[in-house]
Amino acid sequence: MIDITLIISAYLIGSISAAIIVCRIMGLPDPRSGGSNNPGATNVLRLGGKVAALLTLLGDTAKGLLPVAVAVQLSVSDTTLALTMVAAFLGHIYPLFFGFKGGKGVATALGVLFGLHWSIGLATIITWLAVAAIFRYSSLAALSAILLAPAYVWLLMDNNPQLLTFAMGLITVILYWRHSSNIKKLLAGEESKIGSRD
């Protein structure tokens, strides 16, 4: 029973859109209909500045971190932990509370990784920061960091975590699919750089 409760709770927590809530509280345009039309931290940065973006980032990261960290502390099976990871991520992408129209999942995936182990989250965020600092594209930084995330799970988790690595690989595939338009823009040289309001 606790396994099912964890998985369902992870999805429901993931369904809480930090971007939409922050924008409503701060009187900003709805991120689903302004900027890039994506309810995520990067778009909130364009619409409302650094404070709003930081609050969104923290909120979306927390909803990935909390359910996974609780599952880890309860020492659930790898199957339950893997399903909890995916459920929290899917909650962000297909939020029950916002018409199943959510963000692309980068911050929530990062939270999932920190929930598994701080070293995995740290390795991922260092990758993101390095790519972002060099190329100034948030989407490229996210895609690069998430591409390496399954390898970080495999290398830094104990006891040959095949299921957890597979779950992170599935999250990576979905995240790449959600970023298909960004990938096309990157290849065409049309993607907006960090700090741009275009």
Protein backbone atom coordinates (compact mmCIF):
# COMPACT_ATOMS: atom_id res chain seq x y z
CA MET A 1 0.00 0.00 0.00
CA ILE A 2 2.83 2.39 0.84
CA ASP A 3 4.36 1.80 -2.60
CA ILE A 4 1.17 2.81 -4.41
CA THR A 5 0.75 5.82 -2.11
CA LEU A 6 4.30 6.99 -2.86
CA ILE A 7 3.85 6.71 -6.61
CA ILE A 8 0.47 8.47 -6.68
CA SER A 9 1.71 11.17 -4.30
CA ALA A 10 4.77 11.73 -6.51
CA TYR A 11 2.53 12.34 -9.51
CA LEU A 12 0.24 14.70 -7.59
CA ILE A 13 3.17 16.67 -6.18
CA GLY A 14 4.68 16.83 -9.66
CA SER A 15 1.38 18.23 -10.93
CA ILE A 16 1.83 21.43 -8.92
CA SER A 17 3.12 23.98 -11.46
CA ALA A 18 5.52 26.37 -9.74
CA ALA A 19 5.72 28.58 -12.84
CA ILE A 20 1.97 29.18 -13.03
CA ILE A 21 1.62 29.73 -9.28
CA VAL A 22 4.59 32.11 -9.08
CA CYS A 23 3.36 34.12 -12.07
CA ARG A 24 -0.13 34.42 -10.60
CA ILE A 25 1.15 35.54 -7.21
CA MET A 26 3.56 38.05 -8.73
CA GLY A 27 1.06 39.41 -11.26
CA LEU A 28 3.02 38.21 -14.29
CA PRO A 29 1.65 36.92 -17.60
CA ASP A 30 0.61 33.28 -17.70
CA PRO A 31 3.78 31.42 -18.79
CA ARG A 32 1.64 29.14 -20.96
CA SER A 33 0.64 32.07 -23.17
CA GLY A 34 3.66 34.38 -22.94
CA GLY A 35 7.29 34.18 -24.02
CA SER A 36 7.99 30.63 -25.19
CA ASN A 37 4.61 29.46 -23.82
CA ASN A 38 6.40 26.98 -21.55
CA PRO A 39 5.61 26.93 -17.80
CA GLY A 40 9.22 26.64 -16.70
CA ALA A 41 11.96 28.68 -15.05
CA THR A 42 13.62 29.86 -18.27
CA ASN A 43 10.38 31.31 -19.62
CA VAL A 44 9.53 32.87 -16.26
CA LEU A 45 12.96 34.53 -16.37
CA ARG A 46 11.96 36.15 -19.67
CA LEU A 47 8.57 37.21 -18.34
CA GLY A 48 9.35 38.31 -14.80
CA GLY A 49 13.05 38.39 -14.04
CA LYS A 50 15.47 36.54 -11.80
CA VAL A 51 13.49 36.37 -8.55
CA ALA A 52 10.43 34.85 -10.21
CA ALA A 53 12.63 32.44 -12.17
CA LEU A 54 14.52 31.37 -9.04
CA LEU A 55 11.27 30.70 -7.16
CA THR A 56 10.02 28.65 -10.10
CA LEU A 57 13.27 26.71 -10.30
CA LEU A 58 13.22 25.92 -6.59
CA GLY A 59 9.57 24.89 -6.68
CA ASP A 60 9.91 22.62 -9.68
CA THR A 61 13.11 21.09 -8.30
CA ALA A 62 11.51 20.46 -4.90
CA LYS A 63 8.61 18.51 -6.35
CA GLY A 64 11.04 16.07 -7.94
CA LEU A 65 13.30 15.92 -4.92
CA LEU A 66 10.76 15.42 -2.11
CA PRO A 67 8.93 12.26 -3.24
CA VAL A 68 12.12 10.56 -4.40
CA ALA A 69 14.00 11.48 -1.21
CA VAL A 70 11.12 10.10 0.90
CA ALA A 71 11.16 6.87 -1.13
CA VAL A 72 14.93 6.56 -0.61
CA GLN A 73 14.58 7.14 3.14
CA LEU A 74 11.87 4.47 3.35
CA SER A 75 14.22 2.01 1.60
CA VAL A 76 11.57 0.97 -0.91
CA SER A 77 12.36 -1.48 -3.68
CA ASP A 78 14.17 -0.28 -6.78
CA THR A 79 10.96 -0.86 -8.75
CA THR A 80 8.96 1.46 -6.50
CA LEU A 81 11.75 4.03 -6.46
CA ALA A 82 12.01 3.97 -10.26
CA LEU A 83 8.25 4.40 -10.63
CA THR A 84 8.30 7.25 -8.09
CA MET A 85 10.99 9.00 -10.15
CA VAL A 86 9.01 8.71 -13.36
CA ALA A 87 5.70 9.64 -11.69
CA ALA A 88 7.07 12.91 -10.28
CA PHE A 89 8.51 13.81 -13.67
CA LEU A 90 5.33 12.96 -15.57
CA GLY A 91 3.33 14.99 -13.07
CA HIS A 92 5.25 18.07 -14.16
CA ILE A 93 4.78 17.37 -17.86
CA TYR A 94 1.14 16.29 -17.58
CA PRO A 95 -0.16 18.09 -14.47
CA LEU A 96 -3.53 16.95 -13.22
CA PHE A 97 -4.28 20.40 -11.80
CA PHE A 98 -3.51 22.37 -14.97
CA GLY A 99 -5.23 20.54 -17.80
CA PHE A 100 -2.35 18.10 -18.33
CA LYS A 101 -0.35 20.88 -20.03
CA GLY A 102 2.96 21.26 -18.21
CA GLY A 103 6.58 22.18 -18.71
CA LYS A 104 9.50 20.38 -20.24
CA GLY A 105 10.73 18.85 -17.00
CA VAL A 106 14.34 19.91 -16.58
CA ALA A 107 14.11 21.27 -13.02
CA THR A 108 11.90 18.41 -11.86
CA ALA A 109 14.32 15.88 -13.37
CA LEU A 110 17.13 17.64 -11.51
CA GLY A 111 15.14 17.33 -8.30
CA VAL A 112 14.67 13.62 -8.95
CA LEU A 113 18.44 13.25 -9.29
CA PHE A 114 19.12 15.13 -6.05
CA GLY A 115 16.51 12.94 -4.38
CA LEU A 116 18.41 9.83 -5.43
CA HIS A 117 21.73 11.16 -4.11
CA TRP A 118 23.21 14.61 -3.72
CA SER A 119 26.30 13.64 -5.74
CA ILE A 120 24.19 12.76 -8.79
CA GLY A 121 22.33 16.06 -8.63
CA LEU A 122 25.57 17.96 -8.15
CA ALA A 123 27.25 16.27 -11.11
CA THR A 124 24.24 17.10 -13.29
CA ILE A 125 24.03 20.74 -12.24
CA ILE A 126 27.79 21.22 -12.75
CA THR A 127 27.37 19.89 -16.29
CA TRP A 128 24.46 22.29 -16.86
CA LEU A 129 26.40 25.29 -15.51
CA ALA A 130 29.50 24.49 -17.55
CA VAL A 131 27.60 24.18 -20.85
CA ALA A 132 25.43 27.23 -20.08
CA ALA A 133 28.49 29.35 -19.23
CA ILE A 134 30.23 28.41 -22.47
CA PHE A 135 27.36 28.45 -24.98
CA ARG A 136 24.67 30.60 -23.22
CA TYR A 137 21.83 28.33 -24.30
CA SER A 138 19.64 27.01 -21.49
CA SER A 139 18.17 24.26 -23.64
CA LEU A 140 21.60 23.03 -24.80
CA ALA A 141 22.84 23.01 -21.20
CA ALA A 142 19.78 21.05 -20.09
CA LEU A 143 20.04 18.55 -22.93
CA SER A 144 23.74 18.01 -22.27
CA ALA A 145 23.27 17.55 -18.52
CA ILE A 146 20.30 15.21 -18.84
CA LEU A 147 22.04 13.15 -21.52
CA LEU A 148 24.74 12.33 -18.96
CA ALA A 149 22.33 11.84 -16.05
CA PRO A 150 21.71 8.09 -16.58
CA ALA A 151 25.48 7.54 -16.56
CA TYR A 152 25.76 9.50 -13.31
CA VAL A 153 23.02 7.31 -11.79
CA TRP A 154 24.83 4.16 -12.91
CA LEU A 155 28.21 5.32 -11.64
CA LEU A 156 27.24 6.97 -8.36
CA MET A 157 24.45 4.73 -7.01
CA ASP A 158 25.30 1.53 -5.17
CA ASN A 159 24.25 -2.05 -5.90
CA ASN A 160 24.12 -1.98 -9.70
CA PRO A 161 21.03 0.20 -10.09
CA GLN A 162 19.82 -1.07 -13.46
CA LEU A 163 16.18 -0.15 -12.86
CA LEU A 164 17.04 3.34 -11.64
CA THR A 165 19.33 3.90 -14.61
CA PHE A 166 16.57 2.69 -16.95
CA ALA A 167 14.07 5.05 -15.27
CA MET A 168 16.45 7.97 -15.71
CA GLY A 169 17.03 6.92 -19.31
CA LEU A 170 13.27 6.99 -19.90
CA ILE A 171 13.07 10.46 -18.34
CA THR A 172 15.92 11.55 -20.63
CA VAL A 173 14.15 10.27 -23.75
CA ILE A 174 10.90 12.04 -22.79
CA LEU A 175 12.78 15.23 -21.98
CA TYR A 176 14.49 15.16 -25.38
CA TRP A 177 11.10 14.68 -27.04
CA ARG A 178 9.73 17.65 -25.09
CA HIS A 179 12.68 19.72 -26.32
CA SER A 180 12.26 18.77 -30.00
CA SER A 181 11.43 22.36 -30.97
CA ASN A 182 14.48 23.64 -29.07
CA ILE A 183 16.68 21.10 -30.81
CA LYS A 184 15.42 22.28 -34.21
CA LYS A 185 16.07 25.91 -33.24
CA LEU A 186 19.55 25.08 -31.97
CA LEU A 187 20.40 23.34 -35.23
CA ALA A 188 19.04 26.32 -37.18
CA GLY A 189 20.83 28.88 -34.98
CA GLU A 190 17.50 30.39 -33.91
CA GLU A 191 17.38 29.44 -30.22
CA SER A 192 17.21 32.31 -27.72
CA LYS A 193 20.21 32.69 -25.45
CA ILE A 194 20.04 32.99 -21.66
CA GLY A 195 18.93 36.48 -20.66
CA SER A 196 17.31 37.16 -24.03
CA ARG A 197 13.70 38.39 -24.10
CA ASP A 198 13.18 37.33 -27.71
